[in-house]
C-alpha atoms as a PDB file:
ATOM      1  CA  THR A   1     -24.182  49.840 -78.395  1.00  0.00           C
ATOM      2  CA  HIS A   2     -27.628  48.342 -79.360  1.00  0.00           C
ATOM      3  CA  GLN A   3     -30.625  50.743 -79.165  1.00  0.00           C
ATOM      4  CA  CYS A   4     -34.078  49.293 -79.111  1.00  0.00           C
ATOM      5  CA  PRO A   5     -37.292  51.376 -79.156  1.00  0.00           C
ATOM      6  CA  THR A   6     -38.968  49.208 -76.571  1.00  0.00           C
ATOM      7  CA  THR A   7     -38.171  47.413 -73.262  1.00  0.00           C
ATOM      8  CA  GLU A   8     -40.977  44.891 -73.868  1.00  0.00           C
ATOM      9  CA  LYS A   9     -39.595  41.410 -73.948  1.00  0.00           C
ATOM     10  CA  VAL A  10     -40.642  38.152 -75.489  1.00  0.00           C
ATOM     11  CA  SER A  11     -39.220  34.715 -74.838  1.00  0.00           C
ATOM     12  CA  SER A  12     -38.274  32.376 -77.750  1.00  0.00           C
ATOM     13  CA  LEU A  13     -35.569  29.867 -78.504  1.00  0.00           C
ATOM     14  CA  GLY A  14     -34.748  29.664 -74.781  1.00  0.00           C
ATOM     15  CA  LYS A  15     -33.882  33.268 -74.341  1.00  0.00           C
ATOM     16  CA  ASP A  16     -35.401  36.763 -73.882  1.00  0.00           C
ATOM     17  CA  TRP A  17     -35.612  39.256 -76.782  1.00  0.00           C
ATOM     18  CA  HIS A  18     -36.708  42.803 -77.109  1.00  0.00           C
ATOM     19  CA  LYS A  19     -40.059  42.552 -78.780  1.00  0.00           C
ATOM     20  CA  PHE A  20     -38.773  44.140 -82.164  1.00  0.00           C
ATOM     21  CA  CYS A  21     -35.424  42.412 -82.016  1.00  0.00           C
ATOM     22  CA  LEU A  22     -36.809  38.940 -82.656  1.00  0.00           C
ATOM     23  CA  LYS A  23     -36.251  38.983 -86.380  1.00  0.00           C
ATOM     24  CA  CYS A  24     -35.753  36.541 -89.188  1.00  0.00           C
ATOM     25  CA  GLU A  25     -32.086  35.915 -89.736  1.00  0.00           C
ATOM     26  CA  ARG A  26     -32.522  36.119 -93.564  1.00  0.00           C
ATOM     27  CA  CYS A  27     -35.072  38.940 -94.343  1.00  0.00           C
ATOM     28  CA  SER A  28     -35.210  40.733 -90.913  1.00  0.00           C
ATOM     29  CA  LYS A  29     -38.933  40.530 -90.681  1.00  0.00           C
ATOM     30  CA  THR A  30     -40.112  41.002 -87.074  1.00  0.00           C
ATOM     31  CA  LEU A  31     -41.312  37.710 -85.702  1.00  0.00           C
ATOM     32  CA  THR A  32     -43.683  36.620 -82.793  1.00  0.00           C
ATOM     33  CA  ALA A  33     -42.642  34.204 -80.067  1.00  0.00           C
ATOM     34  CA  GLY A  34     -43.823  30.778 -81.064  1.00  0.00           C
ATOM     35  CA  GLY A  35     -44.788  31.945 -84.556  1.00  0.00           C
ATOM     36  CA  HIS A  36     -41.557  31.345 -86.389  1.00  0.00           C
ATOM     37  CA  ALA A  37     -39.307  28.521 -87.503  1.00  0.00           C
ATOM     38  CA  GLU A  38     -35.811  27.839 -86.005  1.00  0.00           C
ATOM     39  CA  HIS A  39     -32.609  26.343 -87.488  1.00  0.00           C
ATOM     40  CA  ASP A  40     -29.399  26.032 -85.345  1.00  0.00           C
ATOM     41  CA  GLY A  41     -30.820  28.176 -82.664  1.00  0.00           C
ATOM     42  CA  LYS A  42     -31.669  31.019 -85.025  1.00  0.00           C
ATOM     43  CA  PRO A  43     -35.148  32.283 -85.847  1.00  0.00           C
ATOM     44  CA  TYR A  44     -36.584  32.330 -89.392  1.00  0.00           C
ATOM     45  CA  CYS A  45     -39.965  33.302 -90.824  1.00  0.00           C
ATOM     46  CA  HIS A  46     -41.798  30.101 -91.998  1.00  0.00           C
ATOM     47  CA  LYS A  47     -42.275  31.483 -95.590  1.00  0.00           C
ATOM     48  CA  PRO A  48     -40.427  32.319 -97.614  1.00  0.00           C
ATOM     49  CA  CYS A  49     -37.110  32.117 -95.750  1.00  0.00           C
ATOM     50  CA  TYR A  50     -37.199  28.854 -93.808  1.00  0.00           C
ATOM     51  CA  ALA A  51     -38.705  27.042 -96.750  1.00  0.00           C
ATOM     52  CA  ALA A  52     -36.240  28.474 -99.286  1.00  0.00           C
ATOM     53  CA  LEU A  53     -33.160  27.847 -97.147  1.00  0.00           C
ATOM     54  CA  PHE A  54     -33.963  24.400 -95.570  1.00  0.00           C
ATOM     55  CA  GLY A  55     -36.772  22.794 -97.633  1.00  0.00           C
ATOM     56  CA  LEU A  56     -39.864  21.602 -95.873  1.00  0.00           C
ATOM     57  CA  LEU A  57     -41.351  23.650 -93.145  1.00  0.00           C
ATOM     58  CA  PRO A  58     -41.169  22.052 -89.623  1.00  0.00           C
ATOM     59  CA  THR A  59     -44.474  20.694 -88.251  1.00  0.00           C
ATOM     60  CA  PRO A  60     -45.724  22.814 -85.498  1.00  0.00           C
ATOM     61  CA  PRO A  61     -46.157  20.677 -82.370  1.00  0.00           C
ATOM     62  CA  HIS A  62     -49.934  20.878 -82.151  1.00  0.00           C
ATOM     63  CA  LEU A  63     -50.295  19.662 -85.743  1.00  0.00           C
ATOM     64  CA  HIS A  64     -47.954  16.617 -85.309  1.00  0.00           C
ATOM     65  CA  PRO A  65     -49.772  13.182 -85.404  1.00  0.00           C
ATOM     66  CA  THR A  66     -48.720  12.202 -81.912  1.00  0.00           C
ATOM     67  CA  TRP A  67     -49.604  15.652 -80.281  1.00  0.00           C
ATOM     68  CA  THR A  68     -53.096  14.696 -79.470  1.00  0.00           C
ATOM     69  CA  LEU A  69     -52.003  11.283 -78.132  1.00  0.00           C
ATOM     70  CA  HIS A  70     -49.301  12.899 -75.866  1.00  0.00           C
ATOM     71  CA  GLN A  71     -51.828  15.456 -74.563  1.00  0.00           C
ATOM     72  CA  ASN A  72     -54.370  12.869 -73.769  1.00  0.00           C
ATOM     73  CA  LEU A  73     -51.826  10.768 -72.011  1.00  0.00           C
ATOM     74  CA  ARG A  74     -50.648  13.639 -69.938  1.00  0.00           C
ATOM     75  CA  ARG A  75     -54.264  14.578 -68.978  1.00  0.00           C
ATOM     76  CA  ASN A  76     -55.050  10.909 -68.179  1.00  0.00           C
ATOM     77  CA  ARG A  77     -51.909  10.573 -66.143  1.00  0.00           C
ATOM     78  CA  SER A  78     -52.813  13.646 -64.183  1.00  0.00           C
ATOM     79  CA  GLN A  79     -56.355  12.498 -63.554  1.00  0.00           C
ATOM     80  CA  HIS A  80     -55.070   9.075 -62.405  1.00  0.00           C
ATOM     81  CA  PHE A  81     -52.907  10.611 -59.837  1.00  0.00           C
ATOM     82  CA  GLN A  82     -55.867  12.659 -58.595  1.00  0.00           C
ATOM     83  CA  GLY A  83     -57.786   9.459 -58.013  1.00  0.00           C
ATOM     84  CA  ARG A  84     -59.900   9.609 -61.192  1.00  0.00           C
ATOM     85  CA  HIS A  85     -59.433   6.816 -63.721  1.00  0.00           C
ATOM     86  CA  PRO A  86     -60.469   7.972 -67.203  1.00  0.00           C
ATOM     87  CA  LYS A  87     -61.227   5.641 -70.089  1.00  0.00           C
ATOM     88  CA  VAL A  88     -58.065   5.255 -72.091  1.00  0.00           C
ATOM     89  CA  GLN A  89     -58.486   5.770 -75.794  1.00  0.00           C
ATOM     90  CA  THR A  90     -56.508   3.975 -78.460  1.00  0.00           C
ATOM     91  CA  ALA A  91     -54.631   6.193 -81.054  1.00  0.00           C
ATOM     92  CA  ALA A  92     -57.228   5.246 -83.737  1.00  0.00           C
ATOM     93  CA  GLU A  93     -60.021   6.617 -81.390  1.00  0.00           C
ATOM     94  CA  ILE A  94     -58.173   9.820 -80.794  1.00  0.00           C
ATOM     95  CA  ASN A  95     -57.239  10.387 -84.425  1.00  0.00           C
ATOM     96  CA  SER A  96     -60.775   9.806 -85.585  1.00  0.00           C
ATOM     97  CA  ASN A  97     -61.955  12.885 -83.519  1.00  0.00           C
END
């Protein structure tokens, strides 16, 4: 039976893990929720394991070129439904900031 030194849990990849059981599939390094890569539903450390096994690292969502656009659209949509009508920015205006 599995024995873990803590009952503290973290959520990652759609399930709960004991804090110290969320480990890289390749090197067994302990990972943090949201601070690791994923392949076929399994966690991997970004470097060196994911890069060595699968090539390029996945782009974290907040660094993806459309992230800011989606965040602004979500915020603007929320403000619109609250009766406020913010100025809509173009993608070029958003990316220039």
